[in-house]
C-alpha atoms as a PDB file:
ATOM      1  CA  MET A   1       8.756 -15.061  -8.581  1.00  0.00           C
ATOM      2  CA  ARG A   2       7.706 -11.495  -7.874  1.00  0.00           C
ATOM      3  CA  LYS A   3       7.045 -10.328  -4.323  1.00  0.00           C
ATOM      4  CA  LEU A   4       3.860  -8.856  -2.910  1.00  0.00           C
ATOM      5  CA  THR A   5       4.882  -5.993  -0.610  1.00  0.00           C
ATOM      6  CA  TYR A   6       2.439  -4.487   1.858  1.00  0.00           C
ATOM      7  CA  PHE A   7       3.684  -0.886   2.019  1.00  0.00           C
ATOM      8  CA  ILE A   8       1.570   0.783   4.672  1.00  0.00           C
ATOM      9  CA  ALA A   9       1.487   3.720   7.101  1.00  0.00           C
ATOM     10  CA  CYS A  10       0.263   3.217  10.645  1.00  0.00           C
ATOM     11  CA  SER A  11       0.149   4.582  14.170  1.00  0.00           C
ATOM     12  CA  ILE A  12       2.412   3.255  16.948  1.00  0.00           C
ATOM     13  CA  ASP A  13      -0.446   0.986  18.028  1.00  0.00           C
ATOM     14  CA  GLY A  14      -0.848  -0.487  14.533  1.00  0.00           C
ATOM     15  CA  PHE A  15      -3.855   1.336  13.078  1.00  0.00           C
ATOM     16  CA  ILE A  16      -3.824   2.478   9.444  1.00  0.00           C
ATOM     17  CA  GLY A  17      -6.715   4.867   9.981  1.00  0.00           C
ATOM     18  CA  GLY A  18      -9.332   5.928  12.460  1.00  0.00           C
ATOM     19  CA  PRO A  19     -12.541   3.927  12.942  1.00  0.00           C
ATOM     20  CA  ASP A  20     -13.944   5.524   9.760  1.00  0.00           C
ATOM     21  CA  GLY A  21     -10.705   4.887   7.826  1.00  0.00           C
ATOM     22  CA  ASP A  22      -9.525   8.514   7.924  1.00  0.00           C
ATOM     23  CA  ALA A  23      -5.717   8.637   7.876  1.00  0.00           C
ATOM     24  CA  SER A  24      -5.234  12.374   7.390  1.00  0.00           C
ATOM     25  CA  PHE A  25      -3.536  12.603  10.811  1.00  0.00           C
ATOM     26  CA  MET A  26      -0.483  11.016   9.142  1.00  0.00           C
ATOM     27  CA  TYR A  27      -0.042  13.667   6.429  1.00  0.00           C
ATOM     28  CA  PRO A  28       1.984  16.133   8.570  1.00  0.00           C
ATOM     29  CA  PHE A  29       4.713  13.506   8.978  1.00  0.00           C
ATOM     30  CA  VAL A  30       5.464  13.516   5.254  1.00  0.00           C
ATOM     31  CA  ASP A  31       7.938  16.340   5.722  1.00  0.00           C
ATOM     32  CA  GLU A  32      10.912  17.220   3.503  1.00  0.00           C
ATOM     33  CA  GLU A  33      13.182  14.467   4.867  1.00  0.00           C
ATOM     34  CA  PHE A  34      10.486  11.803   4.634  1.00  0.00           C
ATOM     35  CA  LEU A  35       9.418  12.889   1.153  1.00  0.00           C
ATOM     36  CA  GLU A  36      13.031  12.643  -0.030  1.00  0.00           C
ATOM     37  CA  PHE A  37      13.124   9.082   1.295  1.00  0.00           C
ATOM     38  CA  LEU A  38       9.942   8.225  -0.623  1.00  0.00           C
ATOM     39  CA  LYS A  39      11.233   9.833  -3.818  1.00  0.00           C
ATOM     40  CA  GLU A  40      14.561   7.980  -3.571  1.00  0.00           C
ATOM     41  CA  GLU A  41      13.364   4.565  -2.401  1.00  0.00           C
ATOM     42  CA  TYR A  42       9.658   4.194  -3.267  1.00  0.00           C
ATOM     43  CA  PRO A  43       8.685   6.837  -5.858  1.00  0.00           C
ATOM     44  CA  GLU A  44       5.906   4.709  -7.341  1.00  0.00           C
ATOM     45  CA  THR A  45       4.037   4.666  -4.004  1.00  0.00           C
ATOM     46  CA  ILE A  46       3.296   8.368  -4.367  1.00  0.00           C
ATOM     47  CA  PRO A  47      -0.057   8.644  -6.177  1.00  0.00           C
ATOM     48  CA  THR A  48       0.082  10.081  -9.694  1.00  0.00           C
ATOM     49  CA  GLN A  49      -1.720  13.276  -8.699  1.00  0.00           C
ATOM     50  CA  GLY A  50       0.852  13.889  -5.935  1.00  0.00           C
ATOM     51  CA  ARG A  51       3.747  13.114  -8.266  1.00  0.00           C
ATOM     52  CA  ARG A  52       2.452  15.698 -10.734  1.00  0.00           C
ATOM     53  CA  ALA A  53       1.965  18.319  -8.010  1.00  0.00           C
ATOM     54  CA  LEU A  54       5.543  17.736  -6.822  1.00  0.00           C
ATOM     55  CA  GLY A  55       6.923  17.839 -10.375  1.00  0.00           C
ATOM     56  CA  ILE A  56       8.256  14.270 -10.117  1.00  0.00           C
ATOM     57  CA  ASP A  57       5.896  12.506 -12.504  1.00  0.00           C
ATOM     58  CA  ASP A  58       8.886  11.472 -14.609  1.00  0.00           C
ATOM     59  CA  LEU A  59      10.610   9.508 -11.812  1.00  0.00           C
ATOM     60  CA  PRO A  60      11.017   5.890 -12.914  1.00  0.00           C
ATOM     61  CA  ASN A  61       9.457   3.043 -10.956  1.00  0.00           C
ATOM     62  CA  LYS A  62      12.159   1.459  -8.806  1.00  0.00           C
ATOM     63  CA  ARG A  63      10.422  -1.384  -6.963  1.00  0.00           C
ATOM     64  CA  PHE A  64       6.885  -1.860  -8.269  1.00  0.00           C
ATOM     65  CA  ASP A  65       5.058  -1.938 -11.594  1.00  0.00           C
ATOM     66  CA  THR A  66       1.701  -3.124 -10.224  1.00  0.00           C
ATOM     67  CA  VAL A  67      -0.570  -1.975  -7.398  1.00  0.00           C
ATOM     68  CA  VAL A  68      -3.366  -3.863  -5.643  1.00  0.00           C
ATOM     69  CA  GLN A  69      -5.812  -2.041  -3.391  1.00  0.00           C
ATOM     70  CA  GLY A  70      -9.186  -2.539  -1.821  1.00  0.00           C
ATOM     71  CA  ARG A  71     -12.422  -0.828  -2.705  1.00  0.00           C
ATOM     72  CA  ALA A  72     -12.378   1.440   0.381  1.00  0.00           C
ATOM     73  CA  SER A  73      -8.885   2.711  -0.506  1.00  0.00           C
ATOM     74  CA  TYR A  74      -9.889   3.180  -4.130  1.00  0.00           C
ATOM     75  CA  ASP A  75     -13.035   5.059  -3.103  1.00  0.00           C
ATOM     76  CA  LEU A  76     -10.863   7.757  -1.496  1.00  0.00           C
ATOM     77  CA  ALA A  77      -9.451   8.552  -4.944  1.00  0.00           C
ATOM     78  CA  LEU A  78     -12.853   8.292  -6.645  1.00  0.00           C
ATOM     79  CA  LYS A  79     -14.283  10.846  -4.193  1.00  0.00           C
ATOM     80  CA  GLU A  80     -11.586  13.243  -5.448  1.00  0.00           C
ATOM     81  CA  GLY A  81     -12.603  12.572  -9.057  1.00  0.00           C
ATOM     82  CA  ASN A  82      -9.554  10.399  -9.701  1.00  0.00           C
ATOM     83  CA  SER A  83     -10.379   7.028 -11.274  1.00  0.00           C
ATOM     84  CA  SER A  84      -6.714   6.036 -11.791  1.00  0.00           C
ATOM     85  CA  PRO A  85      -4.783   7.071  -8.647  1.00  0.00           C
ATOM     86  CA  TYR A  86      -1.659   5.126  -9.676  1.00  0.00           C
ATOM     87  CA  ALA A  87      -1.709   5.710 -13.429  1.00  0.00           C
ATOM     88  CA  HIS A  88       2.053   5.045 -13.558  1.00  0.00           C
ATOM     89  CA  LEU A  89       1.380   1.421 -12.449  1.00  0.00           C
ATOM     90  CA  ARG A  90      -0.908  -1.421 -13.511  1.00  0.00           C
ATOM     91  CA  GLU A  91      -3.861  -1.040 -11.147  1.00  0.00           C
ATOM     92  CA  TYR A  92      -6.032  -3.751  -9.608  1.00  0.00           C
ATOM     93  CA  VAL A  93      -8.917  -3.042  -7.248  1.00  0.00           C
ATOM     94  CA  ALA A  94     -10.460  -5.793  -5.150  1.00  0.00           C
ATOM     95  CA  SER A  95     -14.214  -5.304  -4.999  1.00  0.00           C
ATOM     96  CA  ARG A  96     -17.232  -7.555  -4.812  1.00  0.00           C
ATOM     97  CA  THR A  97     -19.591  -4.622  -5.362  1.00  0.00           C
ATOM     98  CA  LEU A  98     -18.008  -2.538  -8.134  1.00  0.00           C
ATOM     99  CA  ALA A  99     -19.503  -4.080 -11.278  1.00  0.00           C
ATOM    100  CA  GLU A 100     -17.192  -2.490 -13.825  1.00  0.00           C
ATOM    101  CA  SER A 101     -14.102  -0.337 -13.774  1.00  0.00           C
ATOM    102  CA  PRO A 102     -14.561   3.410 -14.150  1.00  0.00           C
ATOM    103  CA  ASP A 103     -11.129   3.588 -15.801  1.00  0.00           C
ATOM    104  CA  PRO A 104      -9.429   1.522 -18.544  1.00  0.00           C
ATOM    105  CA  ASN A 105      -6.196   1.403 -16.466  1.00  0.00           C
ATOM    106  CA  VAL A 106      -7.972  -0.215 -13.494  1.00  0.00           C
ATOM    107  CA  GLU A 107      -8.928  -3.889 -13.446  1.00  0.00           C
ATOM    108  CA  ILE A 108     -11.583  -4.949 -10.938  1.00  0.00           C
ATOM    109  CA  VAL A 109     -10.937  -8.273  -9.196  1.00  0.00           C
ATOM    110  CA  SER A 110     -14.292  -9.492  -7.892  1.00  0.00           C
ATOM    111  CA  ALA A 111     -13.461 -13.124  -7.083  1.00  0.00           C
ATOM    112  CA  ASP A 112     -10.433 -15.180  -5.990  1.00  0.00           C
ATOM    113  CA  LEU A 113      -8.196 -12.229  -5.167  1.00  0.00           C
ATOM    114  CA  ALA A 114      -5.460 -14.508  -3.794  1.00  0.00           C
ATOM    115  CA  GLY A 115      -5.491 -16.522  -7.034  1.00  0.00           C
ATOM    116  CA  ARG A 116      -5.207 -13.345  -9.124  1.00  0.00           C
ATOM    117  CA  VAL A 117      -2.305 -12.143  -6.969  1.00  0.00           C
ATOM    118  CA  ARG A 118      -0.544 -15.504  -7.403  1.00  0.00           C
ATOM    119  CA  GLU A 119      -0.905 -15.036 -11.183  1.00  0.00           C
ATOM    120  CA  LEU A 120       0.598 -11.549 -10.931  1.00  0.00           C
ATOM    121  CA  LYS A 121       3.457 -12.863  -8.797  1.00  0.00           C
ATOM    122  CA  ALA A 122       4.215 -15.530 -11.423  1.00  0.00           C
ATOM    123  CA  GLU A 123       4.628 -12.943 -14.200  1.00  0.00           C
ATOM    124  CA  ASP A 124       8.065 -12.312 -15.654  1.00  0.00           C
ATOM    125  CA  SER A 125       9.025  -8.876 -14.381  1.00  0.00           C
ATOM    126  CA  ALA A 126      11.978  -7.331 -12.580  1.00  0.00           C
ATOM    127  CA  LEU A 127       9.584  -5.248 -10.453  1.00  0.00           C
ATOM    128  CA  ASP A 128       7.277  -6.350  -7.650  1.00  0.00           C
ATOM    129  CA  ILE A 129       3.654  -5.749  -6.589  1.00  0.00           C
ATOM    130  CA  TYR A 130       2.628  -2.978  -4.212  1.00  0.00           C
ATOM    131  CA  LEU A 131      -0.222  -3.805  -1.842  1.00  0.00           C
ATOM    132  CA  CYS A 132      -1.562  -0.359  -1.080  1.00  0.00           C
ATOM    133  CA  GLY A 133      -4.327  -1.272   1.345  1.00  0.00           C
ATOM    134  CA  GLY A 134      -6.561  -1.586   3.023  1.00  0.00           C
ATOM    135  CA  SER A 135      -7.187  -3.621   6.058  1.00  0.00           C
ATOM    136  CA  VAL A 136      -9.651  -6.156   4.639  1.00  0.00           C
ATOM    137  CA  VAL A 137      -7.612  -6.817   1.493  1.00  0.00           C
ATOM    138  CA  ALA A 138      -4.419  -7.227   3.557  1.00  0.00           C
ATOM    139  CA  GLY A 139      -6.248  -9.710   5.782  1.00  0.00           C
ATOM    140  CA  GLU A 140      -7.425 -11.640   2.757  1.00  0.00           C
ATOM    141  CA  LEU A 141      -3.917 -11.667   1.249  1.00  0.00           C
ATOM    142  CA  VAL A 142      -1.883 -12.228   4.425  1.00  0.00           C
ATOM    143  CA  ASP A 143      -0.608 -15.606   3.190  1.00  0.00           C
ATOM    144  CA  GLU A 144       0.540 -14.046  -0.110  1.00  0.00           C
ATOM    145  CA  ILE A 145       2.464 -11.143   1.450  1.00  0.00           C
ATOM    146  CA  ASP A 146       6.218 -11.624   1.071  1.00  0.00           C
ATOM    147  CA  GLU A 147       7.428  -8.309   2.460  1.00  0.00           C
ATOM    148  CA  LEU A 148       6.172  -5.652   4.872  1.00  0.00           C
ATOM    149  CA  VAL A 149       7.301  -2.033   4.723  1.00  0.00           C
ATOM    150  CA  ILE A 150       5.671  -0.337   7.696  1.00  0.00           C
ATOM    151  CA  LYS A 151       5.853   3.435   8.016  1.00  0.00           C
ATOM    152  CA  THR A 152       5.080   4.063  11.694  1.00  0.00           C
ATOM    153  CA  TYR A 153       4.201   7.606  12.697  1.00  0.00           C
ATOM    154  CA  PRO A 154       4.603   8.765  16.325  1.00  0.00           C
ATOM    155  CA  VAL A 155       0.914   8.838  17.265  1.00  0.00           C
ATOM    156  CA  VAL A 156      -1.361   6.520  19.251  1.00  0.00           C
ATOM    157  CA  LEU A 157      -4.999   6.178  18.163  1.00  0.00           C
ATOM    158  CA  GLY A 158      -6.360   3.709  20.710  1.00  0.00           C
ATOM    159  CA  THR A 159      -8.782   2.280  18.170  1.00  0.00           C
ATOM    160  CA  GLY A 160      -9.278   2.313  14.445  1.00  0.00           C
ATOM    161  CA  MET A 161      -8.678   0.304  11.300  1.00  0.00           C
ATOM    162  CA  PRO A 162      -6.025  -2.381  11.935  1.00  0.00           C
ATOM    163  CA  MET A 163      -3.281  -3.231   9.449  1.00  0.00           C
ATOM    164  CA  PHE A 164      -4.887  -6.651   8.939  1.00  0.00           C
ATOM    165  CA  ALA A 165      -8.601  -7.376   9.267  1.00  0.00           C
ATOM    166  CA  SER A 166      -8.411 -11.133   9.588  1.00  0.00           C
ATOM    167  CA  GLY A 167      -8.828 -13.950  12.039  1.00  0.00           C
ATOM    168  CA  PHE A 168      -6.116 -14.961  14.465  1.00  0.00           C
ATOM    169  CA  GLU A 169      -3.155 -16.646  12.813  1.00  0.00           C
ATOM    170  CA  VAL A 170       0.555 -16.324  13.553  1.00  0.00           C
ATOM    171  CA  SER A 171       2.622 -15.330  10.498  1.00  0.00           C
ATOM    172  CA  GLU A 172       6.337 -14.882  11.133  1.00  0.00           C
ATOM    173  CA  PHE A 173       8.445 -12.220   9.477  1.00  0.00           C
ATOM    174  CA  ALA A 174      12.127 -11.355   9.975  1.00  0.00           C
ATOM    175  CA  THR A 175      13.451  -7.807  10.275  1.00  0.00           C
ATOM    176  CA  ASP A 176      15.515  -6.548   7.343  1.00  0.00           C
ATOM    177  CA  SER A 177      15.988  -2.894   8.240  1.00  0.00           C
ATOM    178  CA  VAL A 178      14.848  -0.069  10.494  1.00  0.00           C
ATOM    179  CA  ARG A 179      15.225   3.598   9.601  1.00  0.00           C
ATOM    180  CA  SER A 180      14.370   6.548  11.861  1.00  0.00           C
ATOM    181  CA  PHE A 181      13.523  10.076  10.785  1.00  0.00           C
ATOM    182  CA  GLY A 182      13.870  13.425  12.533  1.00  0.00           C
ATOM    183  CA  ASN A 183      10.084  13.812  12.805  1.00  0.00           C
ATOM    184  CA  GLY A 184       9.781  10.611  14.874  1.00  0.00           C
ATOM    185  CA  ALA A 185       8.643   8.373  12.020  1.00  0.00           C
ATOM    186  CA  VAL A 186      10.201   4.927  11.693  1.00  0.00           C
ATOM    187  CA  VAL A 187      10.217   2.693   8.600  1.00  0.00           C
ATOM    188  CA  ARG A 188      10.651  -1.011   9.271  1.00  0.00           C
ATOM    189  CA  THR A 189      11.116  -3.599   6.541  1.00  0.00           C
ATOM    190  CA  TYR A 190      10.438  -7.299   7.080  1.00  0.00           C
ATOM    191  CA  HIS A 191      10.487 -10.429   4.920  1.00  0.00           C
ATOM    192  CA  ARG A 192       8.294 -13.457   5.449  1.00  0.00           C
ATOM    193  CA  LYS A 193       9.932 -16.462   7.013  1.00  0.00           C
ATOM    194  CA  ARG A 194       9.137 -19.396   4.737  1.00  0.00           C
END
C-alpha cells in the first residue's frame, strides 16, 4: 500500500500562508543548504518550472510519482500560465468548480476525493503520493494521510491559512526525524499511529 504524504511548509504557529493564502514570506528560507536538502531528499516536490530554472529537471523522482493538490494551490500555477506545475508527476487537482482540466497531464477530481486517493494508494508502485496542499484538501484527507513532512520556517504569522481546515478531531502521529538548518528552518517527519 502506497503512502499519502502531506509535505508542507508552515510558520512556527502552524500557518501555511497568510489569510489570503500568500506564502511568499517563506521563499527566503529556501537558501543553498535547504535547496540541497530538497534536491537530495525530495526533488520531485520542486515544481517543474523551478527544476528547469535550476537545471535539475533530469533528477529522478525518489519518493513520489503522484501529486494531489487543491484548486487554490493549483490556481497559483495557473495564474503564472502553468497548467501542469508538476509535469514530472501524475497530477490530480481536487475541485468542485473546475469543469474540465486545462492540461492533459492533470486529472480533476470533483467528487469523492478520499475514495480516489484510496484507489491511488492501492496502486502497485514503489513510489508514494505527495499531498501538496492546501488547507481544505488536507482537512478533507486527514484520515488518509500516512506521513507528515513539515518544513517549519522561523516566523510567526498570528493568523492565516492553517495546515488543516477541518473540524476538531485528534489524529495521533509519531515522530520519525527532526532536522535543523542554519537558517532556522526545521523539517520534522511523522508517521500516523494506526
